[in-house]
């Protein structure tokens, strides 16, 4: 999923970024509140991971900006402060979750999975469509119980489009969810990934349809 990471500690940001990318997420980064201010209210992100202590605008001010507009973006606050007052303040301002540094990456992963399930209205980490299952925790895909080999980005694309079967996903929307601002992708690369997925999903009882001028839609066959 598309994540914005706002963290001024380079070491912490590098570690979180590398970990999330390995899990298949698309991650943009900012290091201070002022540079992040415009991005946090853009409707591009499924999740914002937001440090509290930032140069420029702090995390609380940025959180208020996110909640000042009608976005479904989930916000996970990070802080080194364990004081209950700070946690209560973040939650009252609209944070969806709160994680205290230092943290175990397994806990970060679990909290992210919960928040992203909330976005999609899912109760578990497993997406099932016809005879295909995708496990968000293990990052695995099976058809009739048999493992399917997918690249990181192919798996992320599949996760997006099977998360809401029947919904039409435009190319621009898929580009936003699959690539960072530095990737400079174009519409052709989305077509290439869709074509690869179709070949690999030959045994699945679903079809990725192209709706000319609109985008792509998963339907059961």
Protein backbone atom coordinates (compact mmCIF):
# COMPACT_ATOMS: atom_id res chain seq x y z
CA UNK A 1 0.00 0.00 0.00
CA UNK A 2 1.02 3.63 -0.37
CA UNK A 3 2.62 4.95 2.83
CA UNK A 4 4.06 8.34 3.76
CA UNK A 5 6.81 8.14 6.38
CA UNK A 6 7.58 11.41 8.19
CA UNK A 7 10.61 10.84 10.42
CA UNK A 8 13.61 13.14 10.99
CA UNK A 9 15.97 10.50 12.38
CA UNK A 10 17.79 9.21 9.30
CA UNK A 11 18.75 5.87 10.87
CA UNK A 12 15.20 5.18 12.05
CA UNK A 13 13.70 6.31 8.74
CA UNK A 14 16.14 4.17 6.74
CA UNK A 15 15.31 1.09 8.80
CA UNK A 16 11.54 1.58 8.59
CA UNK A 17 11.67 2.38 4.87
CA UNK A 18 13.76 -0.69 4.02
CA UNK A 19 11.52 -2.94 6.10
CA UNK A 20 8.27 -1.69 4.57
CA UNK A 21 9.61 -1.87 1.02
CA UNK A 22 10.62 -5.50 1.60
CA UNK A 23 7.02 -6.17 2.63
CA UNK A 24 5.80 -4.78 -0.68
CA UNK A 25 4.63 -1.32 0.36
CA UNK A 26 5.27 1.83 -1.66
CA UNK A 27 6.88 4.37 0.67
CA UNK A 28 7.51 8.11 0.28
CA UNK A 29 9.67 9.88 2.87
CA UNK A 30 9.91 13.32 4.43
CA UNK A 31 12.23 14.49 7.20
CA UNK A 32 10.55 17.65 8.54
CA UNK A 33 7.08 19.00 9.15
CA UNK A 34 7.23 21.83 6.65
CA UNK A 35 8.17 19.61 3.71
CA UNK A 36 5.51 17.07 4.71
CA UNK A 37 2.71 19.61 5.18
CA UNK A 38 1.48 19.52 1.58
CA UNK A 39 1.70 15.76 1.26
CA UNK A 40 -0.18 14.82 4.40
CA UNK A 41 -3.42 16.33 3.10
CA UNK A 42 -3.08 14.90 -0.40
CA UNK A 43 -5.39 11.97 -1.07
CA UNK A 44 -2.59 9.64 -2.14
CA UNK A 45 -1.79 7.64 0.98
CA UNK A 46 -3.41 4.69 2.69
CA UNK A 47 -1.29 5.28 5.79
CA UNK A 48 0.88 8.04 7.26
CA UNK A 49 3.55 7.07 9.79
CA UNK A 50 4.18 10.28 11.66
CA UNK A 51 6.87 11.10 14.20
CA UNK A 52 5.83 13.55 16.92
CA UNK A 53 9.08 15.49 17.33
CA UNK A 54 9.87 17.02 13.95
CA UNK A 55 11.71 20.16 12.84
CA UNK A 56 9.36 22.84 11.54
CA UNK A 57 5.80 21.70 12.17
CA UNK A 58 5.55 18.96 14.76
CA UNK A 59 3.58 15.74 14.37
CA UNK A 60 0.57 17.05 16.28
CA UNK A 61 0.22 20.04 13.93
CA UNK A 62 0.50 17.76 10.91
CA UNK A 63 -2.07 15.38 12.37
CA UNK A 64 -4.49 18.28 12.77
CA UNK A 65 -4.02 19.13 9.09
CA UNK A 66 -4.78 15.55 8.07
CA UNK A 67 -7.97 15.55 10.11
CA UNK A 68 -9.04 18.97 8.84
CA UNK A 69 -9.97 17.43 5.48
CA UNK A 70 -12.23 14.43 4.75
CA UNK A 71 -9.63 11.72 4.08
CA UNK A 72 -9.74 8.02 4.96
CA UNK A 73 -5.97 8.03 5.52
CA UNK A 74 -4.90 6.12 8.62
CA UNK A 75 -2.31 7.77 10.87
CA UNK A 76 0.17 5.89 13.06
CA UNK A 77 2.07 8.18 15.43
CA UNK A 78 5.65 7.40 16.51
CA UNK A 79 7.33 8.92 19.56
CA UNK A 80 10.04 8.30 22.11
CA UNK A 81 7.81 9.75 24.84
CA UNK A 82 5.90 7.24 26.93
CA UNK A 83 3.83 9.82 28.83
CA UNK A 84 0.13 9.00 28.84
CA UNK A 85 -0.77 12.67 28.25
CA UNK A 86 1.00 12.66 24.88
CA UNK A 87 -0.71 9.47 23.78
CA UNK A 88 -4.11 10.81 24.82
CA UNK A 89 -3.45 14.06 22.93
CA UNK A 90 -2.55 12.18 19.73
CA UNK A 91 -5.62 9.97 19.91
CA UNK A 92 -7.90 12.93 20.68
CA UNK A 93 -6.51 14.77 17.65
CA UNK A 94 -7.43 11.83 15.43
CA UNK A 95 -4.50 9.41 15.40
CA UNK A 96 -5.57 5.85 14.63
CA UNK A 97 -2.74 4.24 16.57
CA UNK A 98 0.35 5.11 18.57
CA UNK A 99 3.71 3.33 18.84
CA UNK A 100 6.48 4.15 21.32
CA UNK A 101 10.15 4.01 20.31
CA UNK A 102 12.09 1.81 20.46
CA UNK A 103 9.76 -0.79 18.99
CA UNK A 104 9.98 -4.26 17.53
CA UNK A 105 9.39 -4.34 13.77
CA UNK A 106 7.02 -7.26 14.25
CA UNK A 107 4.75 -5.00 16.28
CA UNK A 108 5.02 -2.23 13.68
CA UNK A 109 4.06 -4.71 10.95
CA UNK A 110 1.09 -5.97 12.94
CA UNK A 111 -0.20 -2.48 13.68
CA UNK A 112 0.13 -1.52 10.01
CA UNK A 113 -1.79 -4.61 8.95
CA UNK A 114 -4.61 -3.73 11.34
CA UNK A 115 -4.79 -0.17 10.04
CA UNK A 116 -4.75 -1.21 6.39
CA UNK A 117 -7.43 -3.83 7.04
CA UNK A 118 -9.51 -1.02 8.48
CA UNK A 119 -9.14 0.94 5.23
CA UNK A 120 -10.44 -1.99 3.20
CA UNK A 121 -13.05 -3.06 5.73
CA UNK A 122 -11.39 -6.47 6.11
CA UNK A 123 -11.60 -8.56 9.28
CA UNK A 124 -8.49 -10.71 8.69
CA UNK A 125 -5.13 -10.60 6.94
CA UNK A 126 -6.27 -13.12 4.30
CA UNK A 127 -7.97 -11.94 1.12
CA UNK A 128 -9.92 -14.68 -0.66
CA UNK A 129 -11.44 -14.33 -4.13
CA UNK A 130 -12.75 -17.47 -5.83
CA UNK A 131 -9.94 -20.06 -5.57
CA UNK A 132 -7.23 -17.48 -4.89
CA UNK A 133 -5.97 -16.44 -1.46
CA UNK A 134 -3.52 -13.69 -0.53
CA UNK A 135 -2.02 -13.58 2.94
CA UNK A 136 -1.01 -10.04 3.83
CA UNK A 137 1.06 -11.16 6.81
CA UNK A 138 3.13 -13.83 5.06
CA UNK A 139 3.05 -12.00 1.69
CA UNK A 140 2.05 -15.20 -0.10
CA UNK A 141 -0.48 -16.02 -2.82
CA UNK A 142 -2.04 -19.42 -3.52
CA UNK A 143 -4.38 -20.79 -6.19
CA UNK A 144 -6.24 -23.89 -5.02
CA UNK A 145 -3.74 -24.07 -2.17
CA UNK A 146 -0.72 -24.08 -4.49
CA UNK A 147 1.83 -21.26 -4.01
CA UNK A 148 2.13 -18.70 -6.79
CA UNK A 149 5.43 -16.95 -7.45
CA UNK A 150 4.97 -13.19 -7.77
CA UNK A 151 7.39 -10.29 -7.61
CA UNK A 152 6.97 -7.76 -4.81
CA UNK A 153 5.20 -5.26 -7.04
CA UNK A 154 3.03 -7.88 -8.74
CA UNK A 155 1.84 -9.02 -5.32
CA UNK A 156 1.08 -5.45 -4.27
CA UNK A 157 -0.90 -4.82 -7.46
CA UNK A 158 -2.86 -8.03 -6.94
CA UNK A 159 -3.56 -7.06 -3.33
CA UNK A 160 -4.99 -3.74 -4.46
CA UNK A 161 -7.30 -5.01 -7.19
CA UNK A 162 -8.64 -8.13 -5.44
CA UNK A 163 -9.25 -6.16 -2.27
CA UNK A 164 -12.40 -4.78 -3.91
CA UNK A 165 -13.61 -7.10 -6.70
CA UNK A 166 -15.86 -5.36 -9.21
CA UNK A 167 -14.38 -1.94 -8.50
CA UNK A 168 -12.74 -0.17 -11.44
CA UNK A 169 -9.18 0.99 -10.78
CA UNK A 170 -7.87 3.67 -13.13
CA UNK A 171 -4.26 3.65 -14.29
CA UNK A 172 -3.49 6.89 -12.47
CA UNK A 173 -4.80 5.47 -9.19
CA UNK A 174 -2.71 2.32 -9.58
CA UNK A 175 0.38 4.37 -10.39
CA UNK A 176 -0.13 6.37 -7.19
CA UNK A 177 -0.43 3.22 -5.09
CA UNK A 178 2.42 1.28 -6.71
CA UNK A 179 5.14 3.86 -7.22
CA UNK A 180 6.85 6.58 -5.22
CA UNK A 181 7.13 10.19 -6.35
CA UNK A 182 10.73 9.51 -7.42
CA UNK A 183 9.95 6.55 -9.70
CA UNK A 184 8.58 8.59 -12.64
CA UNK A 185 6.32 5.79 -13.90
CA UNK A 186 3.98 5.96 -16.90
CA UNK A 187 0.75 4.25 -17.92
CA UNK A 188 2.59 1.65 -20.01
CA UNK A 189 4.27 0.12 -16.97
CA UNK A 190 0.86 -0.51 -15.37
CA UNK A 191 -0.21 -2.33 -18.54
CA UNK A 192 2.95 -4.45 -18.35
CA UNK A 193 2.29 -5.49 -14.74
CA UNK A 194 -1.35 -6.30 -15.52
CA UNK A 195 -0.25 -8.44 -18.47
CA UNK A 196 2.20 -10.37 -16.27
CA UNK A 197 -0.44 -10.93 -13.60
CA UNK A 198 -2.93 -12.25 -16.15
CA UNK A 199 -0.46 -14.90 -17.29
CA UNK A 200 0.36 -15.98 -13.74
CA UNK A 201 -3.32 -16.08 -12.72
CA UNK A 202 -4.28 -18.45 -15.53
CA UNK A 203 -5.51 -21.06 -13.05
CA UNK A 204 -7.58 -18.65 -10.97
CA UNK A 205 -11.34 -18.40 -11.32
CA UNK A 206 -11.19 -14.68 -11.85
CA UNK A 207 -10.38 -12.30 -14.65
CA UNK A 208 -8.71 -8.91 -14.79
CA UNK A 209 -10.76 -7.03 -17.35
CA UNK A 210 -9.62 -3.94 -19.21
CA UNK A 211 -12.31 -1.31 -19.51
CA UNK A 212 -11.05 0.96 -22.25
CA UNK A 213 -10.69 4.53 -21.08
CA UNK A 214 -11.59 3.59 -17.49
CA UNK A 215 -9.10 1.09 -16.09
CA UNK A 216 -9.12 -2.47 -14.74
CA UNK A 217 -11.68 -4.57 -12.91
CA UNK A 218 -11.52 -8.01 -11.27
CA UNK A 219 -14.53 -10.21 -11.98
CA UNK A 220 -15.25 -13.83 -11.11
CA UNK A 221 -15.35 -16.38 -13.94
